[in-house]
Amino acid sequence: MLRQELRHRRLLALVLLAAAVAVAALALTRDRPATDAEGEALVIGRQVAMPSAALPGTAQAVFDDGAVAHAVSQRLGGGIALKYVVPSHVSLVAARDSITLRVVGHDPDPKKAADIANTAAAAFLTELNRAGVGSFVLLSPAVPAPAPQATPPPAWVTVPTDVLARLPVTITVVLALSVLLLLRPLRRYLPQTWDT
């Protein structure tokens, strides 16, 4: 008898839990902000004084030494701590066995992303040429890309705003009801010491 009651309540609890998870998933995918735009400047080695397999590691070390982060931080107004500039606002992509290095700026505004990439590439070129590993030049500066667009959700995913505002409370209530539904049949088998 207890098994049958638990089986029926467990099914109801699982249905409620699945509904809560589905509503939460819909809410998380709704009005997702656009991703950061990227501006990419290409740096190339004209004369590299080291094996091409070692270049990516050396280039990354020069990129991370602080001069690039300082230049980008100054360009952004100095309001960003240096430790957050690389890789949050600018990063280096150095492919193995290649003399081409990609300096990538990240920002929601495509013009600002390109500006960050160009500022970082200029500082990086200065430091890389100063490091004595070869002669490097800017192959192509970053140009602003079209702004990325957030994809609207399908029509069947549209959830009213008032539902989203009450979502945490709704999920909590559904989870509490699910637990109570599962525990209720066990109540009659527990000692009733509080009734005396």
N, C-alpha and C. Protein backbone atom coordinates (compact mmCIF):
# COMPACT_ATOMS: atom_id res chain seq x y z
N MET A 1 0.83 -1.19 0.00
CA MET A 1 0.00 0.00 0.00
C MET A 1 0.88 1.26 0.00
N LEU A 2 1.89 1.25 0.88
CA LEU A 2 2.80 2.38 0.95
C LEU A 2 3.54 2.55 -0.37
N ARG A 3 3.98 1.45 -0.95
CA ARG A 3 4.70 1.53 -2.23
C ARG A 3 3.82 2.13 -3.32
N GLN A 4 2.55 1.74 -3.34
CA GLN A 4 1.65 2.26 -4.36
C GLN A 4 1.42 3.76 -4.17
N GLU A 5 1.25 4.19 -2.92
CA GLU A 5 1.06 5.62 -2.65
C GLU A 5 2.31 6.41 -3.04
N LEU A 6 3.48 5.88 -2.67
CA LEU A 6 4.72 6.56 -3.02
C LEU A 6 4.92 6.63 -4.53
N ARG A 7 4.56 5.55 -5.23
CA ARG A 7 4.73 5.52 -6.68
C ARG A 7 3.87 6.60 -7.33
N HIS A 8 2.62 6.74 -6.91
CA HIS A 8 1.73 7.76 -7.50
C HIS A 8 2.21 9.17 -7.15
N ARG A 9 2.61 9.36 -5.92
CA ARG A 9 3.07 10.69 -5.51
C ARG A 9 4.43 11.03 -6.15
N ARG A 10 5.26 10.03 -6.32
CA ARG A 10 6.55 10.26 -6.95
C ARG A 10 6.35 10.72 -8.40
N LEU A 11 5.42 10.12 -9.10
CA LEU A 11 5.13 10.53 -10.47
C LEU A 11 4.63 11.97 -10.51
N LEU A 12 3.73 12.33 -9.60
CA LEU A 12 3.23 13.70 -9.56
C LEU A 12 4.35 14.68 -9.21
N ALA A 13 5.21 14.30 -8.25
CA ALA A 13 6.33 15.16 -7.87
C ALA A 13 7.30 15.34 -9.04
N LEU A 14 7.56 14.28 -9.79
CA LEU A 14 8.45 14.39 -10.95
C LEU A 14 7.86 15.28 -12.04
N VAL A 15 6.55 15.19 -12.24
CA VAL A 15 5.90 16.06 -13.23
C VAL A 15 6.02 17.52 -12.80
N LEU A 16 5.76 17.81 -11.52
CA LEU A 16 5.90 19.18 -11.03
C LEU A 16 7.34 19.67 -11.14
N LEU A 17 8.28 18.83 -10.82
CA LEU A 17 9.69 19.20 -10.91
C LEU A 17 10.09 19.46 -12.36
N ALA A 18 9.63 18.62 -13.28
CA ALA A 18 9.94 18.82 -14.70
C ALA A 18 9.34 20.13 -15.20
N ALA A 19 8.13 20.46 -14.75
CA ALA A 19 7.51 21.72 -15.15
C ALA A 19 8.31 22.91 -14.64
N ALA A 20 8.79 22.83 -13.39
CA ALA A 20 9.59 23.92 -12.83
C ALA A 20 10.89 24.09 -13.59
N VAL A 21 11.54 22.99 -13.95
CA VAL A 21 12.79 23.06 -14.71
C VAL A 21 12.53 23.64 -16.10
N ALA A 22 11.44 23.26 -16.74
CA ALA A 22 11.13 23.78 -18.07
C ALA A 22 10.89 25.28 -18.04
N VAL A 23 10.16 25.75 -17.04
CA VAL A 23 9.91 27.19 -16.92
C VAL A 23 11.21 27.93 -16.66
N ALA A 24 12.07 27.38 -15.82
CA ALA A 24 13.36 28.01 -15.54
C ALA A 24 14.22 28.07 -16.80
N ALA A 25 14.23 27.00 -17.59
CA ALA A 25 15.02 26.98 -18.82
C ALA A 25 14.51 28.02 -19.82
N LEU A 26 13.21 28.15 -19.93
CA LEU A 26 12.64 29.15 -20.82
C LEU A 26 13.01 30.56 -20.37
N ALA A 27 12.99 30.78 -19.07
CA ALA A 27 13.32 32.11 -18.54
C ALA A 27 14.78 32.45 -18.78
N LEU A 28 15.64 31.47 -18.69
CA LEU A 28 17.06 31.73 -18.88
C LEU A 28 17.41 32.02 -20.34
N THR A 29 16.65 31.46 -21.28
CA THR A 29 16.95 31.69 -22.69
C THR A 29 16.25 32.93 -23.23
N ARG A 30 15.36 33.52 -22.47
CA ARG A 30 14.62 34.69 -22.93
C ARG A 30 15.46 35.94 -22.80
N ASP A 31 15.44 36.78 -23.79
CA ASP A 31 16.15 38.06 -23.80
C ASP A 31 17.62 37.91 -23.43
N ARG A 32 18.26 36.94 -24.01
CA ARG A 32 19.68 36.74 -23.77
C ARG A 32 20.44 37.90 -24.39
N PRO A 33 21.36 38.54 -23.64
CA PRO A 33 22.08 39.67 -24.21
C PRO A 33 23.01 39.23 -25.34
N ALA A 34 23.29 40.16 -26.22
CA ALA A 34 24.19 39.87 -27.33
C ALA A 34 25.59 39.62 -26.78
N THR A 35 26.32 38.77 -27.47
CA THR A 35 27.68 38.48 -27.05
C THR A 35 28.58 39.64 -27.44
N ASP A 36 29.78 39.64 -26.86
CA ASP A 36 30.74 40.69 -27.18
C ASP A 36 31.15 40.62 -28.64
N ALA A 37 31.36 41.79 -29.19
CA ALA A 37 31.93 41.87 -30.54
C ALA A 37 33.43 41.67 -30.40
N GLU A 38 34.05 41.30 -31.49
CA GLU A 38 35.49 41.11 -31.48
C GLU A 38 36.12 41.92 -32.60
N GLY A 39 37.22 42.58 -32.26
CA GLY A 39 38.04 43.25 -33.26
C GLY A 39 39.36 42.50 -33.32
N GLU A 40 39.85 42.23 -34.52
CA GLU A 40 41.05 41.39 -34.65
C GLU A 40 42.11 42.10 -35.48
N ALA A 41 43.29 42.27 -34.88
CA ALA A 41 44.45 42.82 -35.58
C ALA A 41 45.44 41.68 -35.79
N LEU A 42 46.05 41.62 -36.96
CA LEU A 42 47.01 40.56 -37.27
C LEU A 42 48.44 41.09 -37.24
N VAL A 43 49.28 40.39 -36.49
CA VAL A 43 50.70 40.71 -36.38
C VAL A 43 51.45 39.55 -37.03
N ILE A 44 52.47 39.87 -37.84
CA ILE A 44 53.22 38.81 -38.51
C ILE A 44 54.72 39.05 -38.33
N GLY A 45 55.44 37.96 -38.26
CA GLY A 45 56.88 38.04 -38.13
C GLY A 45 57.54 38.09 -39.49
N ARG A 46 58.33 39.15 -39.73
CA ARG A 46 59.08 39.23 -40.99
C ARG A 46 60.34 38.40 -40.90
N GLN A 47 61.05 38.57 -39.81
CA GLN A 47 62.26 37.78 -39.56
C GLN A 47 62.17 37.29 -38.13
N VAL A 48 61.98 36.01 -37.97
CA VAL A 48 61.82 35.44 -36.64
C VAL A 48 63.12 34.72 -36.26
N ALA A 49 63.68 35.09 -35.11
CA ALA A 49 64.97 34.56 -34.68
C ALA A 49 64.81 33.39 -33.71
N MET A 50 63.80 32.60 -33.92
CA MET A 50 63.56 31.43 -33.06
C MET A 50 62.73 30.43 -33.84
N PRO A 51 62.71 29.18 -33.42
CA PRO A 51 61.86 28.19 -34.11
C PRO A 51 60.39 28.59 -34.02
N SER A 52 59.66 28.35 -35.08
CA SER A 52 58.24 28.75 -35.10
C SER A 52 57.42 28.00 -34.06
N ALA A 53 57.88 26.83 -33.64
CA ALA A 53 57.16 26.09 -32.60
C ALA A 53 57.26 26.79 -31.24
N ALA A 54 58.33 27.54 -31.02
CA ALA A 54 58.53 28.23 -29.74
C ALA A 54 57.89 29.62 -29.73
N LEU A 55 57.53 30.14 -30.90
CA LEU A 55 56.98 31.49 -30.98
C LEU A 55 55.70 31.69 -30.19
N PRO A 56 54.70 30.79 -30.25
CA PRO A 56 53.47 31.05 -29.49
C PRO A 56 53.69 31.25 -27.99
N GLY A 57 54.53 30.45 -27.38
CA GLY A 57 54.79 30.59 -25.95
C GLY A 57 55.49 31.89 -25.62
N THR A 58 56.48 32.23 -26.44
CA THR A 58 57.21 33.48 -26.22
C THR A 58 56.30 34.68 -26.44
N ALA A 59 55.51 34.63 -27.50
CA ALA A 59 54.58 35.73 -27.79
C ALA A 59 53.57 35.90 -26.66
N GLN A 60 53.07 34.80 -26.12
CA GLN A 60 52.09 34.89 -25.03
C GLN A 60 52.74 35.49 -23.78
N ALA A 61 53.99 35.11 -23.51
CA ALA A 61 54.70 35.67 -22.35
C ALA A 61 54.90 37.18 -22.50
N VAL A 62 55.25 37.63 -23.70
CA VAL A 62 55.43 39.06 -23.94
C VAL A 62 54.08 39.78 -23.83
N PHE A 63 53.04 39.16 -24.35
CA PHE A 63 51.70 39.74 -24.32
C PHE A 63 51.21 39.90 -22.88
N ASP A 64 51.54 38.92 -22.03
CA ASP A 64 51.06 38.91 -20.64
C ASP A 64 51.94 39.69 -19.67
N ASP A 65 53.05 40.28 -20.15
CA ASP A 65 53.99 40.90 -19.22
C ASP A 65 53.49 42.20 -18.58
N GLY A 66 52.40 42.75 -19.05
CA GLY A 66 51.81 43.94 -18.41
C GLY A 66 51.78 45.18 -19.28
N ALA A 67 52.65 45.28 -20.26
CA ALA A 67 52.68 46.48 -21.10
C ALA A 67 51.41 46.60 -21.96
N VAL A 68 50.95 45.48 -22.49
CA VAL A 68 49.72 45.49 -23.30
C VAL A 68 48.53 45.84 -22.43
N ALA A 69 48.43 45.22 -21.27
CA ALA A 69 47.32 45.51 -20.35
C ALA A 69 47.33 46.97 -19.93
N HIS A 70 48.51 47.52 -19.68
CA HIS A 70 48.61 48.93 -19.28
C HIS A 70 48.13 49.86 -20.41
N ALA A 71 48.57 49.58 -21.63
CA ALA A 71 48.16 50.42 -22.77
C ALA A 71 46.65 50.36 -22.99
N VAL A 72 46.07 49.17 -22.90
CA VAL A 72 44.62 49.02 -23.10
C VAL A 72 43.87 49.68 -21.95
N SER A 73 44.34 49.51 -20.73
CA SER A 73 43.69 50.14 -19.57
C SER A 73 43.70 51.66 -19.72
N GLN A 74 44.81 52.23 -20.18
CA GLN A 74 44.88 53.68 -20.39
C GLN A 74 43.91 54.11 -21.49
N ARG A 75 43.81 53.31 -22.54
CA ARG A 75 42.91 53.64 -23.66
C ARG A 75 41.44 53.58 -23.21
N LEU A 76 41.14 52.66 -22.28
CA LEU A 76 39.77 52.52 -21.79
C LEU A 76 39.44 53.51 -20.69
N GLY A 77 40.38 54.36 -20.33
CA GLY A 77 40.12 55.36 -19.32
C GLY A 77 40.73 55.05 -17.98
N GLY A 78 41.46 53.95 -17.87
CA GLY A 78 42.15 53.63 -16.63
C GLY A 78 41.26 53.12 -15.52
N GLY A 79 40.00 52.90 -15.77
CA GLY A 79 39.09 52.46 -14.72
C GLY A 79 39.07 50.96 -14.51
N ILE A 80 39.89 50.23 -15.26
CA ILE A 80 39.89 48.77 -15.17
C ILE A 80 41.21 48.31 -14.58
N ALA A 81 41.14 47.42 -13.60
CA ALA A 81 42.36 46.88 -13.00
C ALA A 81 43.13 46.09 -14.06
N LEU A 82 44.44 46.22 -14.05
CA LEU A 82 45.27 45.57 -15.08
C LEU A 82 45.06 44.07 -15.14
N LYS A 83 44.82 43.43 -14.00
CA LYS A 83 44.66 41.97 -14.02
C LYS A 83 43.39 41.52 -14.74
N TYR A 84 42.45 42.44 -14.99
CA TYR A 84 41.22 42.08 -15.69
C TYR A 84 41.24 42.44 -17.18
N VAL A 85 42.26 43.13 -17.62
CA VAL A 85 42.31 43.55 -19.03
C VAL A 85 42.55 42.34 -19.93
N VAL A 86 43.57 41.53 -19.59
CA VAL A 86 43.86 40.32 -20.35
C VAL A 86 43.35 39.15 -19.53
N PRO A 87 42.49 38.33 -20.01
CA PRO A 87 41.89 38.18 -21.33
C PRO A 87 40.47 38.71 -21.44
N SER A 88 39.97 39.45 -20.44
CA SER A 88 38.59 39.92 -20.49
C SER A 88 38.33 40.92 -21.61
N HIS A 89 39.29 41.82 -21.86
CA HIS A 89 39.09 42.84 -22.89
C HIS A 89 39.96 42.64 -24.12
N VAL A 90 41.06 41.92 -23.97
CA VAL A 90 41.94 41.67 -25.11
C VAL A 90 42.64 40.33 -24.88
N SER A 91 42.84 39.60 -25.97
CA SER A 91 43.52 38.30 -25.87
C SER A 91 44.40 38.10 -27.09
N LEU A 92 45.30 37.14 -26.96
CA LEU A 92 46.22 36.79 -28.05
C LEU A 92 45.94 35.37 -28.48
N VAL A 93 45.85 35.17 -29.78
CA VAL A 93 45.69 33.83 -30.34
C VAL A 93 46.94 33.57 -31.17
N ALA A 94 47.76 32.64 -30.69
CA ALA A 94 49.01 32.30 -31.36
C ALA A 94 48.96 30.83 -31.74
N ALA A 95 48.79 30.57 -33.02
CA ALA A 95 48.71 29.19 -33.50
C ALA A 95 50.10 28.55 -33.50
N ARG A 96 50.13 27.27 -33.25
CA ARG A 96 51.39 26.53 -33.24
C ARG A 96 52.00 26.51 -34.65
N ASP A 97 53.31 26.65 -34.74
CA ASP A 97 54.05 26.62 -36.00
C ASP A 97 53.57 27.67 -36.99
N SER A 98 53.24 28.84 -36.49
CA SER A 98 52.80 29.93 -37.35
C SER A 98 53.50 31.20 -36.93
N ILE A 99 53.77 32.08 -37.89
CA ILE A 99 54.38 33.37 -37.56
C ILE A 99 53.33 34.48 -37.54
N THR A 100 52.07 34.11 -37.65
CA THR A 100 50.98 35.07 -37.59
C THR A 100 50.35 35.01 -36.20
N LEU A 101 50.19 36.18 -35.59
CA LEU A 101 49.61 36.29 -34.25
C LEU A 101 48.36 37.16 -34.33
N ARG A 102 47.28 36.71 -33.71
CA ARG A 102 46.02 37.46 -33.73
C ARG A 102 45.81 38.13 -32.38
N VAL A 103 45.65 39.46 -32.39
CA VAL A 103 45.34 40.23 -31.19
C VAL A 103 43.85 40.56 -31.27
N VAL A 104 43.08 40.07 -30.30
CA VAL A 104 41.63 40.17 -30.37
C VAL A 104 41.11 41.05 -29.22
N GLY A 105 40.38 42.11 -29.58
CA GLY A 105 39.73 42.98 -28.60
C GLY A 105 38.29 42.53 -28.40
N HIS A 106 37.82 42.61 -27.15
CA HIS A 106 36.46 42.17 -26.81
C HIS A 106 35.69 43.32 -26.18
N ASP A 107 34.52 43.63 -26.72
CA ASP A 107 33.66 44.65 -26.15
C ASP A 107 32.29 44.54 -26.83
N PRO A 108 31.20 44.89 -26.14
CA PRO A 108 29.89 44.85 -26.80
C PRO A 108 29.81 45.79 -28.01
N ASP A 109 30.56 46.90 -27.96
CA ASP A 109 30.58 47.85 -29.07
C ASP A 109 31.66 47.45 -30.07
N PRO A 110 31.31 47.14 -31.32
CA PRO A 110 32.30 46.70 -32.31
C PRO A 110 33.42 47.71 -32.55
N LYS A 111 33.10 49.01 -32.52
CA LYS A 111 34.14 50.03 -32.73
C LYS A 111 35.14 50.03 -31.58
N LYS A 112 34.62 49.88 -30.38
CA LYS A 112 35.50 49.85 -29.22
C LYS A 112 36.35 48.58 -29.21
N ALA A 113 35.77 47.46 -29.63
CA ALA A 113 36.52 46.20 -29.71
C ALA A 113 37.68 46.33 -30.69
N ALA A 114 37.43 46.97 -31.83
CA ALA A 114 38.50 47.18 -32.82
C ALA A 114 39.56 48.13 -32.27
N ASP A 115 39.12 49.17 -31.58
CA ASP A 115 40.06 50.12 -30.99
C ASP A 115 40.94 49.45 -29.93
N ILE A 116 40.35 48.59 -29.12
CA ILE A 116 41.11 47.85 -28.11
C ILE A 116 42.13 46.95 -28.78
N ALA A 117 41.72 46.25 -29.84
CA ALA A 117 42.65 45.35 -30.54
C ALA A 117 43.81 46.12 -31.15
N ASN A 118 43.52 47.28 -31.75
CA ASN A 118 44.59 48.07 -32.37
C ASN A 118 45.55 48.65 -31.33
N THR A 119 45.00 49.11 -30.20
CA THR A 119 45.84 49.63 -29.11
C THR A 119 46.73 48.53 -28.57
N ALA A 120 46.15 47.36 -28.34
CA ALA A 120 46.92 46.23 -27.81
C ALA A 120 47.97 45.76 -28.81
N ALA A 121 47.62 45.75 -30.11
CA ALA A 121 48.57 45.30 -31.13
C ALA A 121 49.77 46.25 -31.20
N ALA A 122 49.52 47.55 -31.09
CA ALA A 122 50.63 48.52 -31.14
C ALA A 122 51.57 48.31 -29.95
N ALA A 123 51.02 48.15 -28.75
CA ALA A 123 51.85 47.92 -27.57
C ALA A 123 52.57 46.58 -27.66
N PHE A 124 51.87 45.58 -28.16
CA PHE A 124 52.45 44.25 -28.30
C PHE A 124 53.61 44.26 -29.30
N LEU A 125 53.43 44.94 -30.42
CA LEU A 125 54.51 45.04 -31.42
C LEU A 125 55.76 45.68 -30.83
N THR A 126 55.57 46.75 -30.08
CA THR A 126 56.71 47.43 -29.46
C THR A 126 57.45 46.47 -28.53
N GLU A 127 56.71 45.79 -27.68
CA GLU A 127 57.33 44.88 -26.71
C GLU A 127 57.94 43.65 -27.39
N LEU A 128 57.28 43.12 -28.40
CA LEU A 128 57.78 41.93 -29.10
C LEU A 128 59.07 42.24 -29.85
N ASN A 129 59.13 43.39 -30.52
CA ASN A 129 60.34 43.78 -31.23
C ASN A 129 61.47 44.11 -30.25
N ARG A 130 61.12 44.64 -29.08
CA ARG A 130 62.11 44.95 -28.06
C ARG A 130 62.67 43.67 -27.42
N ALA A 131 61.90 42.57 -27.43
CA ALA A 131 62.31 41.32 -26.79
C ALA A 131 63.44 40.62 -27.55
N GLY A 132 63.71 41.02 -28.78
CA GLY A 132 64.82 40.44 -29.54
C GLY A 132 64.54 39.07 -30.12
N VAL A 133 63.28 38.76 -30.37
CA VAL A 133 62.96 37.45 -30.95
C VAL A 133 62.71 37.54 -32.46
N GLY A 134 62.90 38.72 -33.02
CA GLY A 134 62.71 38.90 -34.45
C GLY A 134 62.14 40.26 -34.76
N SER A 135 61.72 40.41 -36.00
CA SER A 135 61.12 41.66 -36.46
C SER A 135 59.67 41.38 -36.82
N PHE A 136 58.78 42.10 -36.15
CA PHE A 136 57.35 41.88 -36.35
C PHE A 136 56.68 43.16 -36.81
N VAL A 137 55.65 43.03 -37.66
CA VAL A 137 54.91 44.18 -38.18
C VAL A 137 53.41 43.90 -38.09
N LEU A 138 52.64 44.96 -38.20
CA LEU A 138 51.19 44.85 -38.22
C LEU A 138 50.76 44.51 -39.64
N LEU A 139 50.20 43.33 -39.84
CA LEU A 139 49.75 42.91 -41.16
C LEU A 139 48.43 43.58 -41.51
N SER A 140 47.50 43.60 -40.56
CA SER A 140 46.23 44.28 -40.80
C SER A 140 45.63 44.74 -39.48
N PRO A 141 45.22 46.00 -39.43
CA PRO A 141 44.59 46.51 -38.20
C PRO A 141 43.17 45.97 -38.07
N ALA A 142 42.65 46.06 -36.88
CA ALA A 142 41.28 45.63 -36.64
C ALA A 142 40.31 46.66 -37.20
N VAL A 143 39.24 46.18 -37.79
CA VAL A 143 38.18 47.05 -38.29
C VAL A 143 36.88 46.64 -37.58
N PRO A 144 36.02 47.62 -37.29
CA PRO A 144 34.77 47.28 -36.60
C PRO A 144 33.92 46.31 -37.42
N ALA A 145 33.46 45.28 -36.75
CA ALA A 145 32.56 44.31 -37.38
C ALA A 145 31.13 44.74 -37.11
N PRO A 146 30.19 44.24 -37.89
CA PRO A 146 28.78 44.55 -37.58
C PRO A 146 28.44 44.05 -36.18
N ALA A 147 27.61 44.80 -35.49
CA ALA A 147 27.22 44.43 -34.12
C ALA A 147 26.45 43.12 -34.14
N PRO A 148 26.79 42.21 -33.22
CA PRO A 148 26.04 40.96 -33.15
C PRO A 148 24.62 41.22 -32.68
N GLN A 149 23.70 40.47 -33.21
CA GLN A 149 22.29 40.63 -32.86
C GLN A 149 21.84 39.47 -31.99
N ALA A 150 21.10 39.78 -30.95
CA ALA A 150 20.51 38.73 -30.13
C ALA A 150 19.38 38.09 -30.92
N THR A 151 19.35 36.78 -30.96
CA THR A 151 18.29 36.10 -31.69
C THR A 151 17.05 36.05 -30.82
N PRO A 152 15.93 36.49 -31.37
CA PRO A 152 14.71 36.44 -30.57
C PRO A 152 14.26 35.00 -30.38
N PRO A 153 13.63 34.70 -29.25
CA PRO A 153 13.16 33.33 -29.03
C PRO A 153 11.97 33.04 -29.94
N PRO A 154 11.72 31.77 -30.22
CA PRO A 154 10.53 31.42 -31.01
C PRO A 154 9.27 31.89 -30.30
N ALA A 155 8.20 32.04 -31.05
CA ALA A 155 6.95 32.57 -30.50
C ALA A 155 6.42 31.71 -29.35
N TRP A 156 6.61 30.41 -29.41
CA TRP A 156 6.08 29.54 -28.36
C TRP A 156 6.86 29.65 -27.06
N VAL A 157 8.02 30.33 -27.08
CA VAL A 157 8.85 30.47 -25.89
C VAL A 157 8.51 31.74 -25.11
N THR A 158 7.74 32.62 -25.68
CA THR A 158 7.44 33.90 -25.04
C THR A 158 6.78 33.69 -23.68
N VAL A 159 7.39 34.27 -22.66
CA VAL A 159 6.89 34.15 -21.29
C VAL A 159 6.59 35.56 -20.80
N PRO A 160 5.41 35.80 -20.23
CA PRO A 160 5.09 37.14 -19.72
C PRO A 160 6.09 37.58 -18.65
N THR A 161 6.35 38.87 -18.59
CA THR A 161 7.34 39.42 -17.66
C THR A 161 6.96 39.18 -16.21
N ASP A 162 5.68 39.24 -15.88
CA ASP A 162 5.28 39.03 -14.49
C ASP A 162 5.58 37.60 -14.03
N VAL A 163 5.55 36.64 -14.95
CA VAL A 163 5.90 35.27 -14.61
C VAL A 163 7.38 35.18 -14.28
N LEU A 164 8.20 35.89 -15.06
CA LEU A 164 9.65 35.87 -14.82
C LEU A 164 10.00 36.51 -13.48
N ALA A 165 9.26 37.53 -13.09
CA ALA A 165 9.54 38.19 -11.82
C ALA A 165 9.26 37.26 -10.64
N ARG A 166 8.28 36.39 -10.78
CA ARG A 166 7.92 35.47 -9.70
C ARG A 166 8.57 34.11 -9.84
N LEU A 167 9.49 33.95 -10.79
CA LEU A 167 10.07 32.64 -11.08
C LEU A 167 10.79 32.01 -9.89
N PRO A 168 11.65 32.71 -9.15
CA PRO A 168 12.32 32.04 -8.01
C PRO A 168 11.33 31.55 -6.96
N VAL A 169 10.31 32.32 -6.69
CA VAL A 169 9.30 31.91 -5.70
C VAL A 169 8.53 30.71 -6.22
N THR A 170 8.18 30.72 -7.49
CA THR A 170 7.43 29.62 -8.09
C THR A 170 8.22 28.32 -8.02
N ILE A 171 9.49 28.38 -8.35
CA ILE A 171 10.32 27.17 -8.32
C ILE A 171 10.45 26.66 -6.89
N THR A 172 10.62 27.55 -5.94
CA THR A 172 10.73 27.13 -4.53
C THR A 172 9.45 26.46 -4.06
N VAL A 173 8.31 27.02 -4.42
CA VAL A 173 7.02 26.45 -4.01
C VAL A 173 6.83 25.08 -4.65
N VAL A 174 7.16 24.95 -5.93
CA VAL A 174 7.00 23.66 -6.62
C VAL A 174 7.92 22.60 -6.00
N LEU A 175 9.14 22.97 -5.69
CA LEU A 175 10.05 22.01 -5.06
C LEU A 175 9.56 21.61 -3.68
N ALA A 176 9.06 22.57 -2.89
CA ALA A 176 8.54 22.25 -1.56
C ALA A 176 7.33 21.33 -1.65
N LEU A 177 6.43 21.59 -2.60
CA LEU A 177 5.26 20.71 -2.78
C LEU A 177 5.69 19.31 -3.19
N SER A 178 6.70 19.23 -4.03
CA SER A 178 7.18 17.90 -4.46
C SER A 178 7.71 17.12 -3.28
N VAL A 179 8.48 17.76 -2.40
CA VAL A 179 9.01 17.07 -1.22
C VAL A 179 7.87 16.66 -0.29
N LEU A 180 6.91 17.55 -0.08
CA LEU A 180 5.78 17.21 0.79
C LEU A 180 4.96 16.05 0.24
N LEU A 181 4.78 16.02 -1.08
CA LEU A 181 4.03 14.92 -1.69
C LEU A 181 4.75 13.59 -1.49
N LEU A 182 6.06 13.63 -1.52
CA LEU A 182 6.80 12.39 -1.33
C LEU A 182 6.83 11.95 0.13
N LEU A 183 6.82 12.90 1.06
CA LEU A 183 6.92 12.57 2.48
C LEU A 183 5.58 12.27 3.15
N ARG A 184 4.49 12.72 2.58
CA ARG A 184 3.18 12.56 3.22
C ARG A 184 2.81 11.11 3.51
N PRO A 185 3.01 10.17 2.58
CA PRO A 185 2.65 8.78 2.90
C PRO A 185 3.49 8.21 4.04
N LEU A 186 4.67 8.72 4.26
CA LEU A 186 5.53 8.21 5.32
C LEU A 186 5.07 8.69 6.70
N ARG A 187 4.26 9.73 6.77
CA ARG A 187 3.85 10.33 8.04
C ARG A 187 3.13 9.34 8.96
N ARG A 188 2.27 8.53 8.38
CA ARG A 188 1.49 7.62 9.23
C ARG A 188 2.33 6.48 9.79
N TYR A 189 3.53 6.26 9.23
CA TYR A 189 4.39 5.19 9.73
C TYR A 189 5.42 5.69 10.74
N LEU A 190 5.48 6.99 10.94
CA LEU A 190 6.42 7.57 11.89
C LEU A 190 5.78 7.60 13.28
N PRO A 191 6.58 7.55 14.36
CA PRO A 191 5.99 7.63 15.72
C PRO A 191 5.28 8.97 15.91
N GLN A 192 4.13 8.92 16.54
CA GLN A 192 3.31 10.11 16.76
C GLN A 192 3.51 10.64 18.18
N THR A 193 4.69 10.92 18.61
CA THR A 193 4.98 11.32 19.98
C THR A 193 4.46 12.69 20.31
N TRP A 194 4.26 13.56 19.32
CA TRP A 194 3.82 14.93 19.62
C TRP A 194 2.33 15.03 19.89
N ASP A 195 1.56 13.95 19.69
CA ASP A 195 0.11 13.97 19.92
C ASP A 195 -0.24 13.62 21.36
N THR A 196 0.64 13.22 22.21
CA THR A 196 0.30 12.78 23.56
C THR A 196 0.10 13.91 24.51
